[in-house]
Amino acid sequence: MFTGIVQGVASVKSSEAAGRNKRLNILFPIGSMMDQKLGASVAINGVCLTVSALAHDVLTFDVIDTTLALTNIGLLKAGDAVNFERAAKMGDEVGGHVMSGHIMTSVTVSRIEHLAESMHIRFTTDRQDEVDARRYLFDKGYVGLNGSSLTISDVGSDWIEVSLIPETLRLTTFGQLQVGDKVNLEIDAHTQATVDTVERILKERGIVLP
């Protein structure tokens, strides 16, 4: 489990193909992975990955092809910056919202607007194959983007927008995004459960939503 409060930015040391999978070596800020263990979970750009090897501040993760297809992890190369969060512990404050690290799909940066020290970023949310996250995205609802718990500040038929304060920009990679970049999206589990339940009940009653 994760809280969506990004703890900092790490750097990809290497990204190597391993058959259909990939092996990532990631360099973390000094001390941020202190007491980390093999088999532990770390969110990288919001994706829950398992530590398969560790050497001081460099951790290794093996990423399967399914994850590569759904997320931006497969696009990472040496030198790229990524958001990270260690798994939450019992009793930790949940400053964002509960996240699983299971990405539904990726969205694309379509507009970036700078306002003083803050920023508005718009993402296109077109249907991708059999995945359509749009039914779970609401104005002022929660969304996980590259592992960061954010509130949707505006929404359209095929896009969502978030507003970022200076502290979020300081602690994450959002300030480095460019139009066309892919960002991982995880919807709020409570929202998904509510929407799916309502849709199922309406379907059972013969009510078809537009």
N, C-alpha and C. Protein backbone atom coordinates (compact mmCIF):
# COMPACT_ATOMS: atom_id res chain seq x y z
N MET A 1 0.83 -1.19 0.00
CA MET A 1 0.00 0.00 0.00
C MET A 1 0.87 1.24 0.00
N PHE A 2 0.38 2.29 -0.67
CA PHE A 2 1.09 3.56 -0.73
C PHE A 2 0.10 4.68 -0.42
N THR A 3 0.65 5.84 -0.12
CA THR A 3 -0.20 6.97 0.27
C THR A 3 -0.32 8.02 -0.83
N GLY A 4 0.49 7.90 -1.89
CA GLY A 4 0.46 8.90 -2.95
C GLY A 4 1.23 10.15 -2.61
N ILE A 5 1.96 10.14 -1.49
CA ILE A 5 2.81 11.27 -1.14
C ILE A 5 4.23 10.92 -1.59
N VAL A 6 4.62 11.44 -2.73
CA VAL A 6 5.93 11.13 -3.30
C VAL A 6 7.02 11.59 -2.33
N GLN A 7 8.00 10.71 -2.08
CA GLN A 7 9.05 11.02 -1.11
C GLN A 7 10.27 11.66 -1.73
N GLY A 8 10.34 11.65 -3.05
CA GLY A 8 11.47 12.28 -3.71
C GLY A 8 11.64 11.80 -5.13
N VAL A 9 12.75 12.21 -5.72
CA VAL A 9 13.06 11.88 -7.11
C VAL A 9 14.33 11.04 -7.13
N ALA A 10 14.28 9.92 -7.86
CA ALA A 10 15.44 9.05 -8.05
C ALA A 10 15.85 9.10 -9.52
N SER A 11 16.98 8.48 -9.82
CA SER A 11 17.52 8.52 -11.19
C SER A 11 17.75 7.10 -11.71
N VAL A 12 17.33 6.87 -12.95
CA VAL A 12 17.56 5.56 -13.56
C VAL A 12 19.04 5.42 -13.89
N LYS A 13 19.69 4.43 -13.28
CA LYS A 13 21.09 4.19 -13.56
C LYS A 13 21.26 3.37 -14.83
N SER A 14 20.38 2.38 -15.02
CA SER A 14 20.39 1.59 -16.25
C SER A 14 19.04 0.92 -16.43
N SER A 15 18.72 0.65 -17.68
CA SER A 15 17.49 -0.05 -18.04
C SER A 15 17.85 -1.07 -19.10
N GLU A 16 17.78 -2.35 -18.73
CA GLU A 16 18.27 -3.41 -19.60
C GLU A 16 17.16 -4.39 -19.96
N ALA A 17 17.10 -4.77 -21.23
CA ALA A 17 16.14 -5.78 -21.65
C ALA A 17 16.52 -7.13 -21.07
N ALA A 18 15.50 -7.90 -20.66
CA ALA A 18 15.71 -9.25 -20.15
C ALA A 18 14.63 -10.12 -20.78
N GLY A 19 14.84 -10.48 -22.05
CA GLY A 19 13.80 -11.15 -22.80
C GLY A 19 12.68 -10.18 -23.08
N ARG A 20 11.46 -10.53 -22.73
CA ARG A 20 10.32 -9.62 -22.89
C ARG A 20 10.18 -8.68 -21.70
N ASN A 21 11.00 -8.88 -20.69
CA ASN A 21 10.93 -8.07 -19.48
C ASN A 21 12.06 -7.03 -19.47
N LYS A 22 12.16 -6.32 -18.36
CA LYS A 22 13.20 -5.31 -18.22
C LYS A 22 13.75 -5.34 -16.81
N ARG A 23 15.03 -5.00 -16.69
CA ARG A 23 15.67 -4.88 -15.39
C ARG A 23 16.11 -3.44 -15.20
N LEU A 24 15.59 -2.83 -14.14
CA LEU A 24 15.90 -1.44 -13.83
C LEU A 24 16.84 -1.36 -12.64
N ASN A 25 17.90 -0.57 -12.78
CA ASN A 25 18.75 -0.21 -11.67
C ASN A 25 18.53 1.27 -11.40
N ILE A 26 18.09 1.58 -10.20
CA ILE A 26 17.72 2.96 -9.88
C ILE A 26 18.54 3.46 -8.69
N LEU A 27 19.11 4.66 -8.87
CA LEU A 27 19.90 5.31 -7.83
C LEU A 27 19.00 6.26 -7.04
N PHE A 28 18.91 6.02 -5.74
CA PHE A 28 18.06 6.82 -4.87
C PHE A 28 18.88 7.84 -4.08
N PRO A 29 18.26 8.91 -3.61
CA PRO A 29 18.98 9.88 -2.77
C PRO A 29 19.61 9.18 -1.57
N ILE A 30 20.76 9.65 -1.17
CA ILE A 30 21.51 9.02 -0.07
C ILE A 30 20.64 8.87 1.18
N GLY A 31 20.57 7.65 1.68
CA GLY A 31 19.85 7.37 2.92
C GLY A 31 18.37 7.12 2.77
N SER A 32 17.79 7.40 1.60
CA SER A 32 16.34 7.26 1.45
C SER A 32 15.89 5.80 1.45
N MET A 33 16.80 4.87 1.14
CA MET A 33 16.46 3.45 1.15
C MET A 33 17.13 2.71 2.30
N MET A 34 17.46 3.44 3.35
CA MET A 34 18.09 2.83 4.52
C MET A 34 17.21 1.73 5.09
N ASP A 35 17.81 0.58 5.42
CA ASP A 35 17.11 -0.56 6.00
C ASP A 35 16.14 -1.22 5.02
N GLN A 36 16.26 -0.89 3.74
CA GLN A 36 15.40 -1.54 2.76
C GLN A 36 15.78 -3.01 2.63
N LYS A 37 14.81 -3.86 2.24
CA LYS A 37 15.05 -5.30 2.20
C LYS A 37 14.67 -5.88 0.84
N LEU A 38 15.28 -7.01 0.52
CA LEU A 38 14.89 -7.74 -0.67
C LEU A 38 13.42 -8.14 -0.56
N GLY A 39 12.71 -8.03 -1.67
CA GLY A 39 11.29 -8.39 -1.67
C GLY A 39 10.37 -7.27 -1.25
N ALA A 40 10.93 -6.15 -0.81
CA ALA A 40 10.10 -5.01 -0.41
C ALA A 40 9.48 -4.34 -1.64
N SER A 41 8.42 -3.60 -1.41
CA SER A 41 7.74 -2.89 -2.49
C SER A 41 8.13 -1.42 -2.48
N VAL A 42 8.38 -0.89 -3.68
CA VAL A 42 8.66 0.53 -3.87
C VAL A 42 7.85 1.00 -5.07
N ALA A 43 7.21 2.14 -4.95
CA ALA A 43 6.47 2.70 -6.08
C ALA A 43 7.42 3.55 -6.91
N ILE A 44 7.56 3.19 -8.19
CA ILE A 44 8.36 3.95 -9.14
C ILE A 44 7.41 4.53 -10.17
N ASN A 45 7.29 5.86 -10.19
CA ASN A 45 6.28 6.52 -11.03
C ASN A 45 4.91 5.91 -10.79
N GLY A 46 4.67 5.52 -9.54
CA GLY A 46 3.37 4.99 -9.16
C GLY A 46 3.21 3.51 -9.36
N VAL A 47 4.18 2.85 -9.97
CA VAL A 47 4.10 1.41 -10.24
C VAL A 47 4.72 0.65 -9.07
N CYS A 48 3.98 -0.26 -8.48
CA CYS A 48 4.49 -1.07 -7.38
C CYS A 48 5.47 -2.10 -7.93
N LEU A 49 6.76 -1.95 -7.57
CA LEU A 49 7.80 -2.86 -8.01
C LEU A 49 8.47 -3.51 -6.81
N THR A 50 9.01 -4.70 -7.04
CA THR A 50 9.64 -5.48 -5.97
C THR A 50 11.16 -5.39 -6.06
N VAL A 51 11.79 -5.12 -4.94
CA VAL A 51 13.25 -5.05 -4.89
C VAL A 51 13.83 -6.44 -5.10
N SER A 52 14.63 -6.61 -6.17
CA SER A 52 15.23 -7.91 -6.46
C SER A 52 16.72 -7.95 -6.13
N ALA A 53 17.34 -6.79 -5.94
CA ALA A 53 18.74 -6.71 -5.52
C ALA A 53 18.97 -5.30 -4.98
N LEU A 54 19.94 -5.16 -4.08
CA LEU A 54 20.24 -3.84 -3.55
C LEU A 54 21.72 -3.74 -3.23
N ALA A 55 22.25 -2.55 -3.50
CA ALA A 55 23.65 -2.25 -3.21
C ALA A 55 23.72 -0.79 -2.78
N HIS A 56 23.67 -0.59 -1.46
CA HIS A 56 23.66 0.76 -0.90
C HIS A 56 22.45 1.55 -1.42
N ASP A 57 22.67 2.59 -2.19
CA ASP A 57 21.56 3.43 -2.64
C ASP A 57 21.05 3.05 -4.03
N VAL A 58 21.55 1.95 -4.59
CA VAL A 58 21.08 1.47 -5.89
C VAL A 58 20.23 0.21 -5.68
N LEU A 59 18.98 0.26 -6.14
CA LEU A 59 18.08 -0.88 -6.04
C LEU A 59 17.75 -1.39 -7.43
N THR A 60 17.57 -2.70 -7.54
CA THR A 60 17.25 -3.34 -8.81
C THR A 60 15.81 -3.86 -8.79
N PHE A 61 15.12 -3.66 -9.90
CA PHE A 61 13.74 -4.12 -10.05
C PHE A 61 13.60 -4.86 -11.37
N ASP A 62 12.92 -6.01 -11.34
CA ASP A 62 12.59 -6.73 -12.56
C ASP A 62 11.15 -6.41 -12.92
N VAL A 63 10.93 -5.96 -14.15
CA VAL A 63 9.60 -5.50 -14.58
C VAL A 63 9.09 -6.41 -15.69
N ILE A 64 7.91 -7.01 -15.49
CA ILE A 64 7.37 -7.95 -16.47
C ILE A 64 6.73 -7.21 -17.65
N ASP A 65 6.51 -7.95 -18.74
CA ASP A 65 6.02 -7.34 -19.98
C ASP A 65 4.64 -6.70 -19.83
N THR A 66 3.78 -7.28 -18.98
CA THR A 66 2.45 -6.70 -18.78
C THR A 66 2.54 -5.30 -18.21
N THR A 67 3.42 -5.13 -17.24
CA THR A 67 3.63 -3.80 -16.63
C THR A 67 4.22 -2.84 -17.65
N LEU A 68 5.14 -3.30 -18.46
CA LEU A 68 5.76 -2.45 -19.49
C LEU A 68 4.72 -1.97 -20.49
N ALA A 69 3.74 -2.82 -20.80
CA ALA A 69 2.72 -2.45 -21.79
C ALA A 69 1.74 -1.42 -21.25
N LEU A 70 1.48 -1.44 -19.93
CA LEU A 70 0.47 -0.56 -19.34
C LEU A 70 1.02 0.77 -18.85
N THR A 71 2.32 0.87 -18.66
CA THR A 71 2.89 2.02 -17.96
C THR A 71 4.01 2.68 -18.78
N ASN A 72 4.57 3.74 -18.20
CA ASN A 72 5.70 4.43 -18.86
C ASN A 72 7.05 3.86 -18.43
N ILE A 73 7.03 2.77 -17.64
CA ILE A 73 8.29 2.19 -17.18
C ILE A 73 9.14 1.71 -18.35
N GLY A 74 8.49 1.18 -19.38
CA GLY A 74 9.22 0.68 -20.53
C GLY A 74 9.93 1.76 -21.32
N LEU A 75 9.53 3.02 -21.11
CA LEU A 75 10.14 4.15 -21.83
C LEU A 75 11.37 4.70 -21.11
N LEU A 76 11.59 4.25 -19.88
CA LEU A 76 12.68 4.81 -19.08
C LEU A 76 14.04 4.41 -19.64
N LYS A 77 14.96 5.35 -19.56
CA LYS A 77 16.35 5.11 -19.99
C LYS A 77 17.29 5.72 -18.98
N ALA A 78 18.57 5.37 -19.07
CA ALA A 78 19.56 5.86 -18.13
C ALA A 78 19.53 7.38 -18.05
N GLY A 79 19.52 7.89 -16.83
CA GLY A 79 19.51 9.34 -16.61
C GLY A 79 18.14 9.92 -16.37
N ASP A 80 17.08 9.17 -16.68
CA ASP A 80 15.72 9.68 -16.47
C ASP A 80 15.41 9.79 -14.97
N ALA A 81 14.63 10.79 -14.63
CA ALA A 81 14.20 10.99 -13.24
C ALA A 81 12.85 10.32 -13.03
N VAL A 82 12.64 9.74 -11.85
CA VAL A 82 11.38 9.08 -11.52
C VAL A 82 10.95 9.46 -10.11
N ASN A 83 9.63 9.49 -9.90
CA ASN A 83 9.09 9.67 -8.56
C ASN A 83 9.18 8.35 -7.80
N PHE A 84 9.43 8.43 -6.49
CA PHE A 84 9.42 7.19 -5.72
C PHE A 84 8.73 7.38 -4.37
N GLU A 85 8.19 6.27 -3.88
CA GLU A 85 7.62 6.22 -2.54
C GLU A 85 7.81 4.82 -1.99
N ARG A 86 8.34 4.73 -0.78
CA ARG A 86 8.44 3.43 -0.11
C ARG A 86 7.05 3.01 0.35
N ALA A 87 6.85 1.70 0.50
CA ALA A 87 5.57 1.19 0.96
C ALA A 87 5.23 1.76 2.33
N ALA A 88 3.96 2.05 2.53
CA ALA A 88 3.51 2.60 3.81
C ALA A 88 3.55 1.53 4.90
N LYS A 89 3.77 1.97 6.12
CA LYS A 89 3.76 1.08 7.27
C LYS A 89 2.50 1.34 8.10
N MET A 90 2.09 0.34 8.87
CA MET A 90 0.95 0.52 9.75
C MET A 90 1.20 1.72 10.67
N GLY A 91 0.22 2.60 10.73
CA GLY A 91 0.33 3.77 11.59
C GLY A 91 0.83 5.00 10.87
N ASP A 92 1.34 4.84 9.63
CA ASP A 92 1.77 6.01 8.87
C ASP A 92 0.59 6.92 8.54
N GLU A 93 0.85 8.22 8.52
CA GLU A 93 -0.18 9.17 8.12
C GLU A 93 -0.45 9.05 6.63
N VAL A 94 -1.73 8.97 6.26
CA VAL A 94 -2.11 8.93 4.84
C VAL A 94 -2.43 10.35 4.41
N GLY A 95 -1.41 11.05 3.92
CA GLY A 95 -1.60 12.45 3.56
C GLY A 95 -2.26 12.65 2.22
N GLY A 96 -2.23 11.59 1.38
CA GLY A 96 -2.88 11.67 0.08
C GLY A 96 -4.13 10.82 0.08
N HIS A 97 -4.12 9.71 -0.68
CA HIS A 97 -5.18 8.73 -0.58
C HIS A 97 -4.56 7.35 -0.78
N VAL A 98 -5.24 6.31 -0.31
CA VAL A 98 -4.68 4.97 -0.37
C VAL A 98 -4.53 4.53 -1.83
N MET A 99 -3.33 4.09 -2.18
CA MET A 99 -3.03 3.65 -3.53
C MET A 99 -2.37 2.27 -3.49
N SER A 100 -2.63 1.48 -4.53
CA SER A 100 -2.12 0.11 -4.57
C SER A 100 -0.85 -0.02 -5.39
N GLY A 101 -0.60 0.96 -6.26
CA GLY A 101 0.53 0.84 -7.17
C GLY A 101 0.21 0.02 -8.39
N HIS A 102 -1.09 -0.29 -8.60
CA HIS A 102 -1.53 -1.03 -9.77
C HIS A 102 -2.10 -0.03 -10.79
N ILE A 103 -1.35 0.22 -11.84
CA ILE A 103 -1.70 1.24 -12.83
C ILE A 103 -2.81 0.73 -13.75
N MET A 104 -3.80 1.58 -14.03
CA MET A 104 -4.86 1.20 -14.95
C MET A 104 -4.45 1.44 -16.40
N THR A 105 -3.81 2.60 -16.64
CA THR A 105 -3.43 2.96 -18.00
C THR A 105 -2.45 4.13 -17.93
N SER A 106 -2.05 4.63 -19.07
CA SER A 106 -1.23 5.85 -19.09
C SER A 106 -1.99 6.93 -19.85
N VAL A 107 -1.71 8.17 -19.50
CA VAL A 107 -2.32 9.32 -20.17
C VAL A 107 -1.20 10.19 -20.72
N THR A 108 -1.56 11.13 -21.58
CA THR A 108 -0.56 11.92 -22.30
C THR A 108 -0.68 13.39 -21.94
N VAL A 109 0.45 14.03 -21.64
CA VAL A 109 0.46 15.46 -21.36
C VAL A 109 0.08 16.22 -22.64
N SER A 110 -0.97 17.02 -22.57
CA SER A 110 -1.42 17.77 -23.75
C SER A 110 -1.28 19.27 -23.61
N ARG A 111 -1.18 19.77 -22.37
CA ARG A 111 -1.02 21.22 -22.17
C ARG A 111 -0.37 21.47 -20.82
N ILE A 112 0.55 22.42 -20.80
CA ILE A 112 1.21 22.84 -19.57
C ILE A 112 1.10 24.35 -19.45
N GLU A 113 0.59 24.81 -18.32
CA GLU A 113 0.43 26.25 -18.09
C GLU A 113 1.14 26.63 -16.79
N HIS A 114 2.06 27.56 -16.88
CA HIS A 114 2.78 28.04 -15.70
C HIS A 114 2.08 29.28 -15.16
N LEU A 115 1.81 29.29 -13.87
CA LEU A 115 1.20 30.44 -13.20
C LEU A 115 2.05 30.78 -11.99
N ALA A 116 2.88 31.81 -12.14
CA ALA A 116 3.84 32.16 -11.08
C ALA A 116 4.65 30.91 -10.74
N GLU A 117 4.61 30.45 -9.49
CA GLU A 117 5.38 29.27 -9.09
C GLU A 117 4.57 27.98 -9.18
N SER A 118 3.31 28.09 -9.59
CA SER A 118 2.45 26.92 -9.70
C SER A 118 2.33 26.49 -11.16
N MET A 119 1.58 25.40 -11.38
CA MET A 119 1.47 24.86 -12.72
C MET A 119 0.15 24.12 -12.89
N HIS A 120 -0.47 24.28 -14.06
CA HIS A 120 -1.63 23.48 -14.45
C HIS A 120 -1.16 22.54 -15.56
N ILE A 121 -1.47 21.25 -15.43
CA ILE A 121 -1.12 20.27 -16.45
C ILE A 121 -2.38 19.54 -16.89
N ARG A 122 -2.59 19.49 -18.21
CA ARG A 122 -3.73 18.77 -18.77
C ARG A 122 -3.25 17.47 -19.40
N PHE A 123 -4.04 16.40 -19.20
CA PHE A 123 -3.72 15.09 -19.73
C PHE A 123 -4.88 14.58 -20.57
N THR A 124 -4.59 14.05 -21.75
CA THR A 124 -5.63 13.43 -22.55
C THR A 124 -5.90 12.04 -22.00
N THR A 125 -7.18 11.66 -22.00
CA THR A 125 -7.59 10.39 -21.40
C THR A 125 -8.38 9.57 -22.41
N ASP A 126 -7.91 9.52 -23.65
CA ASP A 126 -8.61 8.75 -24.67
C ASP A 126 -8.65 7.28 -24.30
N ARG A 127 -9.70 6.61 -24.75
CA ARG A 127 -9.82 5.17 -24.54
C ARG A 127 -8.65 4.46 -25.20
N GLN A 128 -8.03 3.54 -24.47
CA GLN A 128 -6.91 2.77 -24.99
C GLN A 128 -7.25 1.29 -24.94
N ASP A 129 -7.41 0.68 -26.12
CA ASP A 129 -7.79 -0.73 -26.22
C ASP A 129 -9.07 -0.96 -25.40
N GLU A 130 -8.98 -1.86 -24.40
CA GLU A 130 -10.16 -2.18 -23.60
C GLU A 130 -10.20 -1.38 -22.30
N VAL A 131 -9.26 -0.46 -22.14
CA VAL A 131 -9.18 0.31 -20.89
C VAL A 131 -9.80 1.69 -21.10
N ASP A 132 -10.78 2.03 -20.29
CA ASP A 132 -11.37 3.35 -20.35
C ASP A 132 -11.53 3.88 -18.93
N ALA A 133 -10.60 4.73 -18.52
CA ALA A 133 -10.60 5.24 -17.15
C ALA A 133 -11.53 6.43 -16.97
N ARG A 134 -12.06 6.96 -18.08
CA ARG A 134 -12.79 8.23 -18.00
C ARG A 134 -14.01 8.17 -17.09
N ARG A 135 -14.66 7.01 -17.00
CA ARG A 135 -15.87 6.91 -16.18
C ARG A 135 -15.59 7.04 -14.70
N TYR A 136 -14.31 6.95 -14.30
CA TYR A 136 -13.94 7.05 -12.89
C TYR A 136 -13.33 8.42 -12.53
N LEU A 137 -13.27 9.32 -13.48
CA LEU A 137 -12.58 10.59 -13.27
C LEU A 137 -13.58 11.73 -13.15
N PHE A 138 -13.58 12.40 -11.99
CA PHE A 138 -14.55 13.44 -11.70
C PHE A 138 -13.87 14.71 -11.22
N ASP A 139 -14.52 15.84 -11.46
CA ASP A 139 -14.03 17.11 -10.95
C ASP A 139 -13.93 17.03 -9.43
N LYS A 140 -12.78 17.38 -8.90
CA LYS A 140 -12.46 17.35 -7.47
C LYS A 140 -12.30 15.93 -6.93
N GLY A 141 -12.23 14.94 -7.81
CA GLY A 141 -11.99 13.57 -7.38
C GLY A 141 -10.50 13.30 -7.27
N TYR A 142 -10.16 12.18 -6.63
CA TYR A 142 -8.76 11.78 -6.49
C TYR A 142 -8.28 11.06 -7.75
N VAL A 143 -6.99 11.21 -8.03
CA VAL A 143 -6.35 10.44 -9.08
C VAL A 143 -4.87 10.27 -8.72
N GLY A 144 -4.30 9.14 -9.09
CA GLY A 144 -2.87 8.94 -8.92
C GLY A 144 -2.16 9.13 -10.24
N LEU A 145 -1.23 10.06 -10.30
CA LEU A 145 -0.47 10.34 -11.54
C LEU A 145 1.02 10.20 -11.23
N ASN A 146 1.67 9.25 -11.90
CA ASN A 146 3.08 8.94 -11.63
C ASN A 146 3.35 8.80 -10.13
N GLY A 147 2.37 8.20 -9.45
CA GLY A 147 2.55 7.90 -8.04
C GLY A 147 2.18 9.00 -7.07
N SER A 148 1.73 10.14 -7.60
CA SER A 148 1.38 11.27 -6.74
C SER A 148 -0.13 11.37 -6.60
N SER A 149 -0.61 11.44 -5.36
CA SER A 149 -2.03 11.61 -5.10
C SER A 149 -2.42 13.06 -5.37
N LEU A 150 -3.28 13.25 -6.36
CA LEU A 150 -3.67 14.60 -6.78
C LEU A 150 -5.18 14.73 -6.87
N THR A 151 -5.65 15.97 -6.78
CA THR A 151 -7.07 16.26 -6.95
C THR A 151 -7.29 16.81 -8.34
N ILE A 152 -8.28 16.27 -9.04
CA ILE A 152 -8.60 16.76 -10.38
C ILE A 152 -9.23 18.14 -10.25
N SER A 153 -8.63 19.13 -10.91
CA SER A 153 -9.12 20.50 -10.80
C SER A 153 -10.08 20.88 -11.93
N ASP A 154 -10.07 20.12 -13.01
CA ASP A 154 -10.99 20.37 -14.12
C ASP A 154 -11.03 19.11 -14.96
N VAL A 155 -12.15 18.90 -15.66
CA VAL A 155 -12.30 17.68 -16.44
C VAL A 155 -13.12 17.97 -17.69
N GLY A 156 -12.75 17.34 -18.80
CA GLY A 156 -13.50 17.45 -20.05
C GLY A 156 -13.87 16.06 -20.53
N SER A 157 -14.41 15.97 -21.75
CA SER A 157 -14.85 14.68 -22.26
C SER A 157 -13.70 13.71 -22.47
N ASP A 158 -12.52 14.23 -22.78
CA ASP A 158 -11.38 13.35 -23.04
C ASP A 158 -10.10 13.86 -22.38
N TRP A 159 -10.24 14.64 -21.31
CA TRP A 159 -9.05 15.15 -20.62
C TRP A 159 -9.36 15.44 -19.15
N ILE A 160 -8.30 15.45 -18.36
CA ILE A 160 -8.37 15.92 -16.98
C ILE A 160 -7.24 16.92 -16.77
N GLU A 161 -7.40 17.76 -15.77
CA GLU A 161 -6.38 18.76 -15.47
C GLU A 161 -6.11 18.75 -13.97
N VAL A 162 -4.85 18.93 -13.60
CA VAL A 162 -4.48 19.05 -12.19
C VAL A 162 -3.70 20.34 -11.99
N SER A 163 -3.79 20.88 -10.79
CA SER A 163 -3.07 22.10 -10.43
C SER A 163 -2.02 21.74 -9.37
N LEU A 164 -0.79 22.15 -9.62
CA LEU A 164 0.32 21.74 -8.76
C LEU A 164 0.93 22.93 -8.03
N ILE A 165 1.08 22.78 -6.72
CA ILE A 165 1.68 23.83 -5.91
C ILE A 165 3.21 23.69 -5.96
N PRO A 166 3.94 24.72 -5.55
CA PRO A 166 5.41 24.67 -5.60
C PRO A 166 6.02 23.48 -4.87
N GLU A 167 5.46 23.10 -3.71
CA GLU A 167 6.02 21.99 -2.95
C GLU A 167 5.93 20.67 -3.73
N THR A 168 4.82 20.46 -4.41
CA THR A 168 4.68 19.25 -5.23
C THR A 168 5.68 19.26 -6.37
N LEU A 169 5.86 20.41 -6.99
CA LEU A 169 6.83 20.52 -8.08
C LEU A 169 8.25 20.29 -7.59
N ARG A 170 8.52 20.70 -6.37
CA ARG A 170 9.87 20.54 -5.81
C ARG A 170 10.20 19.07 -5.54
N LEU A 171 9.21 18.32 -5.09
CA LEU A 171 9.44 16.95 -4.65
C LEU A 171 9.25 15.90 -5.74
N THR A 172 8.73 16.30 -6.90
CA THR A 172 8.39 15.33 -7.94
C THR A 172 9.02 15.72 -9.28
N THR A 173 8.72 14.90 -10.28
CA THR A 173 9.22 15.15 -11.64
C THR A 173 8.25 15.95 -12.49
N PHE A 174 7.13 16.39 -11.93
CA PHE A 174 6.12 17.06 -12.74
C PHE A 174 6.65 18.32 -13.42
N GLY A 175 7.54 19.01 -12.76
CA GLY A 175 8.10 20.22 -13.36
C GLY A 175 8.95 19.95 -14.58
N GLN A 176 9.34 18.69 -14.80
CA GLN A 176 10.16 18.32 -15.95
C GLN A 176 9.34 17.79 -17.12
N LEU A 177 8.03 17.62 -16.92
CA LEU A 177 7.20 17.06 -17.98
C LEU A 177 7.12 17.99 -19.18
N GLN A 178 6.96 17.38 -20.35
CA GLN A 178 6.77 18.12 -21.59
C GLN A 178 5.54 17.57 -22.30
N VAL A 179 4.95 18.38 -23.17
CA VAL A 179 3.80 17.93 -23.95
C VAL A 179 4.18 16.68 -24.74
N GLY A 180 3.33 15.68 -24.67
CA GLY A 180 3.58 14.40 -25.34
C GLY A 180 4.09 13.32 -24.42
N ASP A 181 4.54 13.68 -23.21
CA ASP A 181 5.04 12.68 -22.27
C ASP A 181 3.90 11.79 -21.75
N LYS A 182 4.23 10.53 -21.51
CA LYS A 182 3.28 9.58 -20.95
C LYS A 182 3.38 9.57 -19.43
N VAL A 183 2.24 9.53 -18.78
CA VAL A 183 2.18 9.54 -17.32
C VAL A 183 1.27 8.39 -16.87
N ASN A 184 1.69 7.68 -15.83
CA ASN A 184 0.91 6.56 -15.31
C ASN A 184 -0.29 7.05 -14.53
N LEU A 185 -1.43 6.38 -14.71
CA LEU A 185 -2.66 6.77 -14.03
C LEU A 185 -3.22 5.61 -13.23
N GLU A 186 -3.46 5.86 -11.95
CA GLU A 186 -4.18 4.92 -11.08
C GLU A 186 -5.42 5.60 -10.55
N ILE A 187 -6.56 4.99 -10.76
CA ILE A 187 -7.79 5.60 -10.27
C ILE A 187 -7.98 5.26 -8.80
N ASP A 188 -8.81 6.06 -8.12
CA ASP A 188 -9.10 5.83 -6.71
C ASP A 188 -9.97 4.58 -6.56
N ALA A 189 -9.52 3.64 -5.74
CA ALA A 189 -10.22 2.36 -5.59
C ALA A 189 -11.65 2.55 -5.07
N HIS A 190 -11.85 3.51 -4.17
CA HIS A 190 -13.20 3.75 -3.64
C HIS A 190 -14.12 4.28 -4.72
N THR A 191 -13.58 5.16 -5.56
CA THR A 191 -14.37 5.69 -6.67
C THR A 191 -14.73 4.56 -7.64
N GLN A 192 -13.76 3.71 -7.95
CA GLN A 192 -14.02 2.60 -8.87
C GLN A 192 -15.11 1.68 -8.32
N ALA A 193 -15.01 1.35 -7.04
CA ALA A 193 -16.00 0.46 -6.43
C ALA A 193 -17.40 1.07 -6.48
N THR A 194 -17.49 2.37 -6.20
CA THR A 194 -18.78 3.05 -6.20
C THR A 194 -19.39 3.08 -7.61
N VAL A 195 -18.58 3.48 -8.59
CA VAL A 195 -19.06 3.56 -9.97
C VAL A 195 -19.49 2.19 -10.48
N ASP A 196 -18.65 1.18 -10.25
CA ASP A 196 -18.97 -0.17 -10.73
C ASP A 196 -20.24 -0.71 -10.08
N THR A 197 -20.43 -0.42 -8.79
CA THR A 197 -21.63 -0.90 -8.08
C THR A 197 -22.88 -0.22 -8.62
N VAL A 198 -22.82 1.10 -8.81
CA VAL A 198 -23.97 1.83 -9.34
C VAL A 198 -24.32 1.35 -10.75
N GLU A 199 -23.31 1.17 -11.59
CA GLU A 199 -23.55 0.72 -12.95
C GLU A 199 -24.17 -0.68 -12.96
N ARG A 200 -23.70 -1.56 -12.06
CA ARG A 200 -24.24 -2.92 -12.00
C ARG A 200 -25.70 -2.91 -11.58
N ILE A 201 -26.03 -2.09 -10.58
CA ILE A 201 -27.41 -2.01 -10.10
C ILE A 201 -28.32 -1.45 -11.18
N LEU A 202 -27.89 -0.40 -11.87
CA LEU A 202 -28.70 0.17 -12.93
C LEU A 202 -28.92 -0.83 -14.06
N LYS A 203 -27.87 -1.59 -14.38
CA LYS A 203 -27.98 -2.60 -15.45
C LYS A 203 -28.98 -3.67 -15.06
N GLU A 204 -28.96 -4.09 -13.79
CA GLU A 204 -29.90 -5.10 -13.32
C GLU A 204 -31.34 -4.60 -13.40
N ARG A 205 -31.50 -3.29 -13.29
CA ARG A 205 -32.85 -2.69 -13.35
C ARG A 205 -33.23 -2.30 -14.77
N GLY A 206 -32.37 -2.61 -15.73
CA GLY A 206 -32.69 -2.32 -17.11
C GLY A 206 -32.47 -0.88 -17.54
N ILE A 207 -31.72 -0.14 -16.71
CA ILE A 207 -31.44 1.27 -17.02
C ILE A 207 -30.09 1.34 -17.72
N VAL A 208 -30.09 1.87 -18.93
CA VAL A 208 -28.85 1.94 -19.71
C VAL A 208 -28.31 3.36 -19.64
N LEU A 209 -27.05 3.51 -19.22
CA LEU A 209 -26.42 4.82 -19.17
C LEU A 209 -25.97 5.23 -20.56
N PRO A 210 -26.00 6.56 -20.87
CA PRO A 210 -25.55 7.03 -22.18
C PRO A 210 -24.06 6.82 -22.37
